[in-house]
Amino acid sequence: MPQLNPAPWFAILVFSWLIFLTVVPQKVMNHSFTNEITALSTKSLKSDIWNWPWH
């Protein structure tokens, strides 16, 4: 990459970011998830206290 002539590399940088910011997010957001998110019930779950022998 030439250090003194930034013209072609700057154009490549700008066009690649333009593609990344316009095309790629649309393609990623078009994918659908296979597992639908279901709401958990409002009933509280029973939790037991575990007594661990530390000695």
N, C-alpha and C. Protein backbone atom coordinates (compact mmCIF):
# COMPACT_ATOMS: atom_id res chain seq x y z
N MET A 1 0.85 -1.18 0.00
CA MET A 1 0.00 0.00 0.00
C MET A 1 0.89 1.23 0.00
N PRO A 2 0.76 2.05 -1.00
CA PRO A 2 1.61 3.25 -1.04
C PRO A 2 1.22 4.24 0.05
N GLN A 3 2.22 4.77 0.71
CA GLN A 3 1.98 5.66 1.83
C GLN A 3 1.69 7.09 1.39
N LEU A 4 2.16 7.50 0.22
CA LEU A 4 2.05 8.89 -0.18
C LEU A 4 0.86 9.18 -1.08
N ASN A 5 0.22 8.15 -1.62
CA ASN A 5 -0.92 8.35 -2.51
C ASN A 5 -2.16 7.69 -1.91
N PRO A 6 -2.93 8.42 -1.09
CA PRO A 6 -4.08 7.80 -0.43
C PRO A 6 -5.34 7.77 -1.28
N ALA A 7 -5.31 8.28 -2.48
CA ALA A 7 -6.54 8.42 -3.27
C ALA A 7 -7.22 7.08 -3.55
N PRO A 8 -6.55 6.07 -4.12
CA PRO A 8 -7.29 4.83 -4.40
C PRO A 8 -7.69 4.09 -3.13
N TRP A 9 -6.86 4.14 -2.10
CA TRP A 9 -7.16 3.40 -0.87
C TRP A 9 -8.28 4.06 -0.09
N PHE A 10 -8.36 5.38 -0.15
CA PHE A 10 -9.45 6.06 0.53
C PHE A 10 -10.78 5.75 -0.13
N ALA A 11 -10.79 5.67 -1.47
CA ALA A 11 -12.02 5.32 -2.19
C ALA A 11 -12.45 3.90 -1.87
N ILE A 12 -11.50 2.98 -1.78
CA ILE A 12 -11.81 1.60 -1.41
C ILE A 12 -12.36 1.54 0.00
N LEU A 13 -11.79 2.30 0.90
CA LEU A 13 -12.28 2.34 2.28
C LEU A 13 -13.70 2.88 2.35
N VAL A 14 -13.97 3.96 1.64
CA VAL A 14 -15.30 4.56 1.67
C VAL A 14 -16.34 3.63 1.06
N PHE A 15 -16.03 3.02 -0.07
CA PHE A 15 -16.99 2.13 -0.71
C PHE A 15 -17.22 0.86 0.10
N SER A 16 -16.19 0.34 0.72
CA SER A 16 -16.39 -0.87 1.53
C SER A 16 -17.25 -0.57 2.76
N TRP A 17 -17.05 0.58 3.40
CA TRP A 17 -17.90 0.94 4.53
C TRP A 17 -19.32 1.24 4.08
N LEU A 18 -19.47 1.79 2.91
CA LEU A 18 -20.81 2.03 2.37
C LEU A 18 -21.55 0.71 2.18
N ILE A 19 -20.85 -0.29 1.68
CA ILE A 19 -21.46 -1.61 1.50
C ILE A 19 -21.77 -2.23 2.86
N PHE A 20 -20.82 -2.14 3.80
CA PHE A 20 -21.03 -2.74 5.11
C PHE A 20 -22.20 -2.10 5.84
N LEU A 21 -22.40 -0.81 5.67
CA LEU A 21 -23.45 -0.12 6.42
C LEU A 21 -24.82 -0.15 5.74
N THR A 22 -24.88 -0.51 4.47
CA THR A 22 -26.17 -0.54 3.78
C THR A 22 -26.63 -1.95 3.43
N VAL A 23 -25.78 -2.76 2.87
CA VAL A 23 -26.20 -4.06 2.35
C VAL A 23 -26.17 -5.13 3.44
N VAL A 24 -25.10 -5.20 4.17
CA VAL A 24 -24.92 -6.29 5.13
C VAL A 24 -25.96 -6.28 6.25
N PRO A 25 -26.29 -5.14 6.89
CA PRO A 25 -27.32 -5.19 7.95
C PRO A 25 -28.68 -5.64 7.44
N GLN A 26 -29.04 -5.30 6.21
CA GLN A 26 -30.31 -5.74 5.66
C GLN A 26 -30.32 -7.25 5.48
N LYS A 27 -29.22 -7.81 5.02
CA LYS A 27 -29.16 -9.26 4.83
C LYS A 27 -29.16 -9.99 6.17
N VAL A 28 -28.53 -9.43 7.17
CA VAL A 28 -28.50 -10.08 8.48
C VAL A 28 -29.87 -10.03 9.13
N MET A 29 -30.55 -8.88 9.02
CA MET A 29 -31.86 -8.74 9.67
C MET A 29 -32.96 -9.53 8.97
N ASN A 30 -32.74 -9.98 7.75
CA ASN A 30 -33.75 -10.77 7.05
C ASN A 30 -33.82 -12.21 7.55
N HIS A 31 -32.83 -12.66 8.27
CA HIS A 31 -32.85 -14.03 8.78
C HIS A 31 -33.87 -14.12 9.90
N SER A 32 -34.63 -15.20 9.92
CA SER A 32 -35.61 -15.39 10.99
C SER A 32 -35.07 -16.43 11.96
N PHE A 33 -35.43 -16.26 13.21
CA PHE A 33 -35.00 -17.19 14.23
C PHE A 33 -35.89 -18.43 14.21
N THR A 34 -35.31 -19.59 14.43
CA THR A 34 -36.09 -20.82 14.41
C THR A 34 -36.88 -21.00 15.70
N ASN A 35 -36.35 -20.51 16.81
CA ASN A 35 -37.04 -20.65 18.09
C ASN A 35 -37.74 -19.35 18.42
N GLU A 36 -39.05 -19.42 18.54
CA GLU A 36 -39.80 -18.24 18.92
C GLU A 36 -39.67 -18.02 20.42
N ILE A 37 -39.55 -16.78 20.80
CA ILE A 37 -39.40 -16.45 22.21
C ILE A 37 -40.78 -16.51 22.87
N THR A 38 -40.89 -17.30 23.93
CA THR A 38 -42.15 -17.41 24.65
C THR A 38 -41.99 -16.76 26.01
N ALA A 39 -43.05 -16.14 26.46
CA ALA A 39 -43.02 -15.48 27.77
C ALA A 39 -43.12 -16.52 28.86
N LEU A 40 -42.33 -16.34 29.92
CA LEU A 40 -42.40 -17.25 31.05
C LEU A 40 -43.63 -16.94 31.88
N SER A 41 -44.10 -17.94 32.59
CA SER A 41 -45.26 -17.71 33.44
C SER A 41 -44.87 -16.81 34.61
N THR A 42 -45.86 -16.12 35.15
CA THR A 42 -45.60 -15.19 36.24
C THR A 42 -45.52 -15.90 37.58
N LYS A 43 -45.84 -17.19 37.60
CA LYS A 43 -45.76 -17.97 38.84
C LYS A 43 -44.30 -18.12 39.24
N SER A 44 -43.99 -17.86 40.49
CA SER A 44 -42.61 -17.95 40.93
C SER A 44 -42.18 -19.41 41.03
N LEU A 45 -40.96 -19.66 40.67
CA LEU A 45 -40.43 -21.01 40.72
C LEU A 45 -39.98 -21.36 42.12
N LYS A 46 -40.13 -22.64 42.48
CA LYS A 46 -39.72 -23.09 43.79
C LYS A 46 -38.20 -23.30 43.78
N SER A 47 -37.54 -22.66 44.69
CA SER A 47 -36.09 -22.83 44.78
C SER A 47 -35.73 -23.37 46.17
N ASP A 48 -34.98 -24.43 46.17
CA ASP A 48 -34.54 -25.03 47.43
C ASP A 48 -33.16 -24.51 47.78
N ILE A 49 -32.91 -24.39 49.06
CA ILE A 49 -31.59 -23.98 49.53
C ILE A 49 -30.73 -25.21 49.68
N TRP A 50 -29.56 -25.18 49.12
CA TRP A 50 -28.64 -26.30 49.22
C TRP A 50 -27.66 -26.02 50.34
N ASN A 51 -27.53 -26.98 51.22
CA ASN A 51 -26.54 -26.89 52.28
C ASN A 51 -25.33 -27.70 51.89
N TRP A 52 -24.22 -26.99 51.61
CA TRP A 52 -23.00 -27.66 51.17
C TRP A 52 -22.08 -27.86 52.36
N PRO A 53 -21.62 -29.09 52.56
CA PRO A 53 -20.67 -29.32 53.66
C PRO A 53 -19.28 -28.82 53.27
N TRP A 54 -18.83 -27.75 53.93
CA TRP A 54 -17.56 -27.15 53.61
C TRP A 54 -16.43 -27.62 54.53
N HIS A 55 -16.72 -28.51 55.43
CA HIS A 55 -15.68 -28.99 56.34
C HIS A 55 -15.54 -30.49 56.29
